Structures are given as C-alpha cells and as structure tokens.
C-alpha cells in the first residue's frame, strides 16, 4: 500500500503512475480489504444505485419528515422547472433538484449513502448523477468518480474533520462539496492536479460555515445547504477544468478549515444553541416539535 497523507501526495502518486486518482484509491481499497478489485467495484456500484434510488424517490414521492420541518421541496422544484418558472439553467436545475431530493429522503428516514455524512448526503449524488445524465456517461465512469471523491474525503478526514460536531458545517457540506468537485473533474477528463485544485477551490468557498440545526434535526438549514454545496462543487469543477488554481494550496485549505473548526464556538457546532437554531422562529419551532410549553 502507498502512504497517502495529503492531496498533493495523492496527485503526485497518480501522475507518477499515469493513473487517475480513482485508480489509486480503488487499488488501495482492494488491498486494504484483501478483496479483488471486481468485488470492490461492485460494492461502490451498489452505493451508486442507492444514490439513484434516493434521488428518484425524493422527487417522485411526497416525502415528509416526522417533525414536519421538511419535505416536498424537491417535487416543488421539479414542477417549477417544468413550468418554466426557474432561470432555465438546465444542469444547475437538475443539481439543485437532486440535492433537495436526497437530503429530504434522509430527513424522512429513507435510505441514503452518508458521503461523507448523512447531513451532507445530497451533494455528491446531485453532482455525479446529473453529470451522468447530461454527459451520457457510462456507469463505470461514475463509479470511478465516487472512488475519487472517497480518496479526497479520506484525506480531509485524516488532516481535519468531516464532523459537524467537531468542525461545523464546513466540515460536512464543505467536505462533501470538495469531494463532489473532485469527482466531477475526473469524470470530465481532468488531470489529478486539476482534481485537487477543484477540491481546494470548493472547500475554501465554504470555510467558516457553521452547524446550527433547528431543533437539533438534520433538516433546517441542512437540506438547502446541500444545494449550495452541490452548486459550489460545479463552479469549482468548472474553474479547475479551465486551468484555474487555488492560490492557497489545497492541503493548506484543509488545515485552514481545521483551524477554523478548532476556534469555532461550541454553540455553532451541532448543538442547536446558536445561529439559526437560536432565532425566535428557530426556538418556536423547537418547542412545537418537542411539545415544550
């Protein structure tokens, strides 16, 4: 097994071996699990199918969360698109709709892939499934993109955190956005160095994002933040594919996220004690949900 402790090292290894980052991660996973590559590919393909099912059901079904805080927005967005009421941005509409759909399935206790977390579960599917549809990509390319996303996520988790309770929403939606951007770049033919640049750009755009769930539930503002993470991933991927680089190296962006998370007040890290959760409406909703007088 190779030693991967940074995004730069991951890109260097891939370039040296004239492979994609996904190839390196796939081989590492197979070796680490002592399983053959075909079996590992099937396992990731199964994850992709769960993502597809969640995106489809989130739009088709009238899903509602038990709290009543969320549900139905993905279908509402689809209806607006069909009626020509949105800005008519095509791929952007699809990404927003799928991010809402998957996140709403999570809120209604449906089956999702927590990539990297349940709270950020809509971002990677929204980007990868939309690219698959728009670019008519074969399933294998999308599956390999998920390996790239996984590799980026492993580095972020090792160097910083993917936990909202530890680093705020920047560690959840920020990391997911970086992972999605990286996957998108590789899926569209970008080099390993472009992949990590997309990660750096996406992550730094969401630095400082707090985790302030209303009533402590992964619904408000989490679901709509999934749409922002997905759209941000597209923007970062496009910039990286254009040859634009992050002025601050991607690994330093990760460490900046860690330092911000370390000094972020606890009330802004999944405690539902600050931010939107502490607004008058947020507190009122909490009392209504839990029957507090």
Foldseek 3Di string as FASTA:
>chain_A
DDDDQFLVVLQVVCVVVVHASLVVLLVVVCVVVVHDSVVSLVVLLVQLVLLVVQLVCLQVPQAAAPLRLDGDVLVVLVVCVVVVNDPVPPLLSQLLSQLLRNLSCVRNVHDFDQQVHSLLGRQQSSLLVSCCVVVVDDSSLSSSLLSQLVVQLVNLCNQARLALLQQFCLSPLVSSLLSNLLSNLVSVPHRSVLSLQLSQQSSLVCAPHFAADQLLGSVVPSSSSSSVSNVSSVVSNVCSNVVHGDPPGSRVSSNSSRVSSNPDDSNRRSPNNDDPCVDPVSVVSNCVSVVND
